[in-house]
Protein backbone atom coordinates (compact mmCIF):
# COMPACT_ATOMS: atom_id res chain seq x y z
CA MET A 1 9.24 -20.57 9.78
CA SER A 2 10.18 -21.99 6.41
CA THR A 3 12.36 -20.90 3.54
CA THR A 4 12.72 -21.66 -0.15
CA ALA A 5 16.27 -22.23 -1.31
CA PHE A 6 17.77 -20.60 -4.36
CA ASP A 7 20.89 -21.17 -6.45
CA ASP A 8 23.76 -19.08 -5.13
CA ALA A 9 25.44 -19.31 -8.49
CA ALA A 10 22.62 -17.31 -10.02
CA ARG A 11 22.21 -14.98 -7.07
CA PRO A 12 20.61 -11.65 -7.99
CA ARG A 13 22.42 -8.41 -7.33
CA SER A 14 19.74 -6.85 -5.16
CA LEU A 15 17.67 -7.88 -2.13
CA ILE A 16 14.19 -6.85 -1.02
CA VAL A 17 12.65 -7.98 2.28
CA ILE A 18 8.88 -7.47 2.38
CA THR A 19 6.54 -8.03 5.33
CA GLY A 20 2.89 -8.90 4.86
CA SER A 21 3.84 -10.61 1.57
CA SER A 22 1.18 -13.33 1.49
CA ARG A 23 -1.65 -11.21 0.13
CA GLY A 24 -2.79 -7.76 -1.01
CA LEU A 25 -0.23 -5.06 -1.60
CA GLY A 26 2.61 -7.08 -0.08
CA GLU A 27 2.03 -10.00 -2.44
CA ALA A 28 1.90 -7.61 -5.41
CA LEU A 29 5.14 -5.93 -4.29
CA ALA A 30 6.82 -9.30 -3.96
CA ARG A 31 5.68 -10.55 -7.37
CA GLN A 32 6.76 -7.38 -9.18
CA SER A 33 10.10 -7.32 -7.32
CA LEU A 34 10.73 -10.90 -8.46
CA GLU A 35 9.93 -9.88 -12.04
CA ALA A 36 12.44 -7.03 -11.75
CA GLY A 37 15.17 -9.50 -10.87
CA HIS A 38 15.48 -9.02 -7.09
CA LEU A 39 15.87 -11.73 -4.48
CA VAL A 40 12.70 -11.43 -2.48
CA VAL A 41 12.39 -12.52 1.14
CA GLY A 42 8.69 -12.40 2.11
CA ILE A 43 7.71 -12.44 5.75
CA ALA A 44 4.12 -13.22 6.63
CA ARG A 45 2.02 -15.39 8.90
CA GLY A 46 0.58 -17.17 5.88
CA ARG A 47 2.23 -18.51 2.76
CA SER A 48 1.28 -17.34 -0.72
CA GLU A 49 0.89 -20.38 -2.95
CA THR A 50 0.26 -18.01 -5.88
CA LEU A 51 3.60 -16.33 -5.26
CA GLU A 52 5.36 -19.63 -4.79
CA ARG A 53 4.00 -20.94 -8.06
CA PHE A 54 4.84 -17.75 -9.89
CA ALA A 55 8.47 -17.89 -8.74
CA HIS A 56 8.82 -21.63 -9.36
CA GLU A 57 7.46 -21.49 -12.92
CA ARG A 58 9.89 -18.73 -13.86
CA GLY A 59 12.87 -19.85 -11.87
CA LEU A 60 12.85 -16.69 -9.80
CA PRO A 61 14.61 -16.43 -6.39
CA LEU A 62 12.00 -16.33 -3.60
CA GLN A 63 12.12 -17.10 0.07
CA GLN A 64 8.97 -17.11 2.13
CA TRP A 65 9.44 -17.01 5.89
CA GLN A 66 6.29 -17.82 7.86
CA ALA A 67 6.19 -15.88 11.09
CA ASP A 68 3.56 -14.16 13.22
CA LEU A 69 4.55 -10.50 13.38
CA ALA A 70 2.42 -10.10 16.51
CA HIS A 71 5.51 -11.72 18.07
CA PRO A 72 8.21 -9.91 16.16
CA LEU A 73 11.31 -10.47 18.29
CA THR A 74 12.08 -14.00 16.97
CA ILE A 75 11.72 -13.11 13.30
CA ALA A 76 13.77 -9.93 13.74
CA GLN A 77 16.56 -11.94 15.29
CA HIS A 78 16.30 -14.48 12.47
CA LEU A 79 16.53 -11.71 9.88
CA ALA A 80 19.64 -10.26 11.50
CA ASP A 81 21.26 -13.70 11.71
CA TRP A 82 20.43 -14.48 8.10
CA LEU A 83 21.68 -11.17 6.77
CA ARG A 84 24.99 -11.71 8.56
CA THR A 85 25.47 -14.95 6.60
CA GLN A 86 25.16 -13.12 3.27
CA PRO A 87 28.25 -12.00 1.31
CA GLY A 88 27.07 -8.39 1.59
CA ASP A 89 28.02 -7.52 -2.02
CA TRP A 90 24.48 -6.63 -3.11
CA SER A 91 24.11 -3.50 -5.23
CA ALA A 92 21.00 -2.61 -3.25
CA ALA A 93 19.22 -3.90 -0.15
CA THR A 94 15.76 -2.82 0.89
CA LEU A 95 13.36 -3.50 3.75
CA ILE A 96 9.70 -2.82 3.08
CA ASN A 97 7.63 -2.81 6.29
CA ASN A 98 4.21 -3.38 4.75
CA ALA A 99 2.35 -5.59 7.26
CA GLY A 100 -0.54 -4.05 9.16
CA VAL A 101 -3.70 -5.04 10.97
CA VAL A 102 -7.02 -3.30 11.25
CA THR A 103 -8.98 -4.26 14.34
CA THR A 104 -12.79 -4.36 14.28
CA PRO A 105 -13.89 -0.80 13.33
CA GLY A 106 -15.02 0.98 16.48
CA PRO A 107 -13.69 2.39 19.74
CA ILE A 108 -10.77 0.66 21.39
CA ASP A 109 -12.92 -0.24 24.42
CA GLY A 110 -14.98 -2.49 22.17
CA GLU A 111 -12.00 -4.69 21.24
CA SER A 112 -10.20 -7.34 23.24
CA LEU A 113 -6.94 -6.38 24.88
CA GLU A 114 -5.22 -9.32 23.12
CA ARG A 115 -6.31 -8.08 19.66
CA LEU A 116 -5.23 -4.49 20.44
CA SER A 117 -1.84 -5.67 21.63
CA GLY A 118 -1.32 -7.94 18.60
CA ALA A 119 -2.30 -5.27 16.09
CA LEU A 120 0.04 -2.73 17.63
CA ARG A 121 2.90 -5.22 17.61
CA VAL A 122 2.34 -6.00 13.94
CA GLY A 123 1.89 -2.39 12.91
CA LEU A 124 4.63 -0.73 14.94
CA GLU A 125 6.82 -2.97 17.09
CA ALA A 126 7.60 -5.26 14.15
CA THR A 127 8.59 -2.22 12.10
CA VAL A 128 10.99 -1.07 14.87
CA LEU A 129 12.60 -4.42 15.44
CA LEU A 130 12.95 -5.43 11.77
CA SER A 131 14.32 -2.00 10.86
CA ALA A 132 16.85 -2.22 13.68
CA ALA A 133 17.86 -5.75 12.70
CA PHE A 134 18.21 -4.84 9.01
CA LEU A 135 20.21 -1.64 9.60
CA ASP A 136 22.56 -3.23 12.15
CA ALA A 137 23.26 -6.39 10.15
CA THR A 138 23.94 -4.45 6.94
CA ARG A 139 25.84 -1.52 8.37
CA ALA A 140 29.10 -2.51 6.65
CA TRP A 141 27.54 -3.37 3.29
CA PRO A 142 28.45 -1.15 0.35
CA ALA A 143 24.91 -1.61 -0.96
CA ASP A 144 22.45 1.25 -1.42
CA ARG A 145 20.30 0.54 1.62
CA LYS A 146 16.70 1.69 1.99
CA VAL A 147 13.90 1.28 4.51
CA LEU A 148 10.42 1.87 3.11
CA ASN A 149 7.62 1.95 5.65
CA ILE A 150 4.11 1.61 4.21
CA SER A 151 2.09 4.14 6.17
CA SER A 152 -1.36 5.62 5.65
CA GLY A 153 -3.18 8.92 5.56
CA LEU A 154 -4.63 7.81 8.89
CA GLY A 155 -1.18 8.21 10.41
CA ARG A 156 -1.47 11.92 9.60
CA ARG A 157 -5.10 12.52 10.55
CA ALA A 158 -7.28 10.85 13.14
CA MET A 159 -10.50 8.98 12.38
CA ALA A 160 -13.11 7.71 14.78
CA GLY A 161 -13.30 3.94 14.99
CA SER A 162 -9.68 3.47 13.91
CA ALA A 163 -7.65 4.65 16.90
CA LEU A 164 -5.28 1.68 16.98
CA TYR A 165 -4.48 1.83 13.26
CA CYS A 166 -4.06 5.60 13.44
CA ALA A 167 -1.71 5.26 16.38
CA ALA A 168 0.42 2.56 14.67
CA LYS A 169 0.78 4.54 11.48
CA ALA A 170 1.46 7.86 13.31
CA GLY A 171 4.14 6.02 15.27
CA MET A 172 5.56 4.64 12.04
CA ASP A 173 5.73 8.12 10.54
CA ASN A 174 7.56 9.68 13.47
CA LEU A 175 9.79 6.64 13.81
CA SER A 176 10.74 7.11 10.18
CA ARG A 177 11.52 10.80 10.70
CA ALA A 178 13.74 10.02 13.68
CA MET A 179 15.48 7.15 11.89
CA ALA A 180 16.17 9.42 8.93
CA LEU A 181 17.76 11.96 11.32
CA ASP A 182 19.91 9.22 12.80
CA GLU A 183 21.06 8.18 9.30
CA GLU A 184 21.89 11.77 8.45
CA HIS A 185 24.00 11.96 11.58
CA LYS A 186 25.84 8.78 10.57
CA ALA A 187 26.51 10.24 7.13
CA ALA A 188 27.85 13.44 8.64
CA LYS A 189 30.41 11.34 10.57
CA GLY A 190 31.46 9.55 7.37
CA GLU A 191 29.61 6.36 8.18
CA ARG A 192 27.49 4.35 5.77
CA ALA A 193 23.90 5.53 5.97
CA ALA A 194 20.55 4.22 4.77
CA ARG A 195 17.65 6.18 3.31
CA VAL A 196 14.28 6.05 5.09
CA VAL A 197 10.77 6.92 3.83
CA SER A 198 7.32 6.47 5.29
CA LEU A 199 4.97 6.30 2.29
CA ALA A 200 1.19 6.51 2.20
CA PRO A 201 0.13 4.28 -0.69
CA GLY A 202 -3.35 5.63 -1.36
CA ILE A 203 -6.69 3.80 -1.14
CA ILE A 204 -6.28 0.18 -2.25
CA ASP A 205 -8.88 -2.51 -2.96
CA THR A 206 -7.83 -5.00 -0.29
CA ASP A 207 -9.35 -7.12 2.47
CA MET A 208 -8.69 -4.20 4.80
CA GLN A 209 -10.99 -1.95 2.81
CA ALA A 210 -13.70 -4.64 2.84
CA GLN A 211 -13.41 -4.83 6.60
CA LEU A 212 -13.83 -1.09 6.97
CA ARG A 213 -16.87 -0.76 4.72
CA GLY A 214 -18.40 -3.77 6.45
CA GLY A 215 -18.12 -2.21 9.94
CA ASP A 216 -21.01 -1.36 12.25
CA ALA A 217 -22.04 2.24 11.42
CA SER A 218 -23.10 2.83 14.99
CA LYS A 219 -19.48 2.32 16.08
CA PHE A 220 -17.72 3.45 12.91
CA PRO A 221 -19.13 6.81 11.68
CA ASP A 222 -17.05 6.82 8.46
CA ARG A 223 -18.31 3.45 7.21
CA ASP A 224 -20.44 4.95 4.45
CA ARG A 225 -17.45 6.91 3.12
CA PHE A 226 -15.48 3.69 2.74
CA ALA A 227 -18.45 2.02 1.08
CA ALA A 228 -18.56 4.91 -1.36
CA PHE A 229 -14.89 4.46 -2.28
CA LYS A 230 -15.78 0.96 -3.57
CA ALA A 231 -19.11 1.95 -5.14
CA GLU A 232 -17.63 4.92 -6.99
CA GLY A 233 -14.57 3.04 -8.26
CA GLN A 234 -12.09 5.08 -6.24
CA LEU A 235 -10.04 2.09 -5.04
CA ALA A 236 -6.75 1.35 -6.80
CA SER A 237 -5.78 -2.27 -7.42
CA ALA A 238 -2.96 -3.82 -5.44
CA ASP A 239 -1.00 -4.35 -8.65
CA ASP A 240 -1.30 -0.73 -9.76
CA THR A 241 -0.33 0.51 -6.30
CA ALA A 242 2.64 -1.83 -6.14
CA ARG A 243 3.91 -0.42 -9.44
CA GLN A 244 3.67 3.11 -8.06
CA VAL A 245 5.34 2.17 -4.78
CA LEU A 246 8.25 0.45 -6.54
CA LYS A 247 8.62 3.35 -8.92
CA PHE A 248 8.81 5.67 -5.91
CA LEU A 249 11.36 3.37 -4.30
CA SER A 250 13.61 3.61 -7.38
CA ARG A 251 13.66 7.42 -7.47
CA ASN A 252 17.06 9.07 -7.23
CA ASP A 253 15.70 11.45 -4.63
CA PHE A 254 14.26 8.66 -2.45
CA GLY A 255 14.69 9.72 1.19
CA GLN A 256 14.81 13.46 0.66
CA GLN A 257 11.16 13.66 1.75
CA VAL A 258 10.69 11.28 4.65
CA LEU A 259 6.89 11.54 4.92
CA ALA A 260 5.49 11.02 1.44
CA ASP A 261 2.34 10.02 -0.42
CA VAL A 262 2.56 7.91 -3.56
CA ARG A 263 -0.20 10.03 -5.12
CA ASP A 264 2.03 13.11 -4.94
CA ALA A 265 4.84 11.49 -6.87
């Protein structure tokens, strides 16, 4: 795992940690968060050279931590340790659990056990561990703390050929609901509490969509529907979606509705 240093003397007042930041929606969220003046810590298996160049040319504070979220324990421990070294005087601190994996479209018995295990770890276990690390390490911070989990409509309705992804996102949704209740209980006791939302971001033109519409129709009955999304221009760009997500994140009522859809904002 590697990091990019930044000048403490010019430290921003707010922090955003984003998983899956090397491409797609995560990369767009990271770039726009940098533009808004946040310190961005991106966590991904790969490294975005585009993001690195963007930050370097503008003198923006970026850290990119390379880690495989299919093995999330090490990076969650690293996040907790790093957060505990920070002064803690941020005005806001946010964790965006964005990383996710779509296995080959089709029934789970057509996929390797290793791939299924890795995808579930990225989509759900990493969310649990990073959220726990973030909340514990920042519990005494006066900052406005938020956890934003990037979910999907498939967490709220099942679809053939996508059982693993549906399961991960449904787990993320109910995890978010339970976490929000825990934070409410903390607040009722006079403790510092974070706000938690699980947000469906809509249909985005990413590699994941390409994988779905390129699936085997004999194993993935909804393939033609996903192909139609592209053909009919129904896919939003990652940049446009990132703007909507960050706008939702900045709402004063963030957290009042735990399960949300960016299209309903």
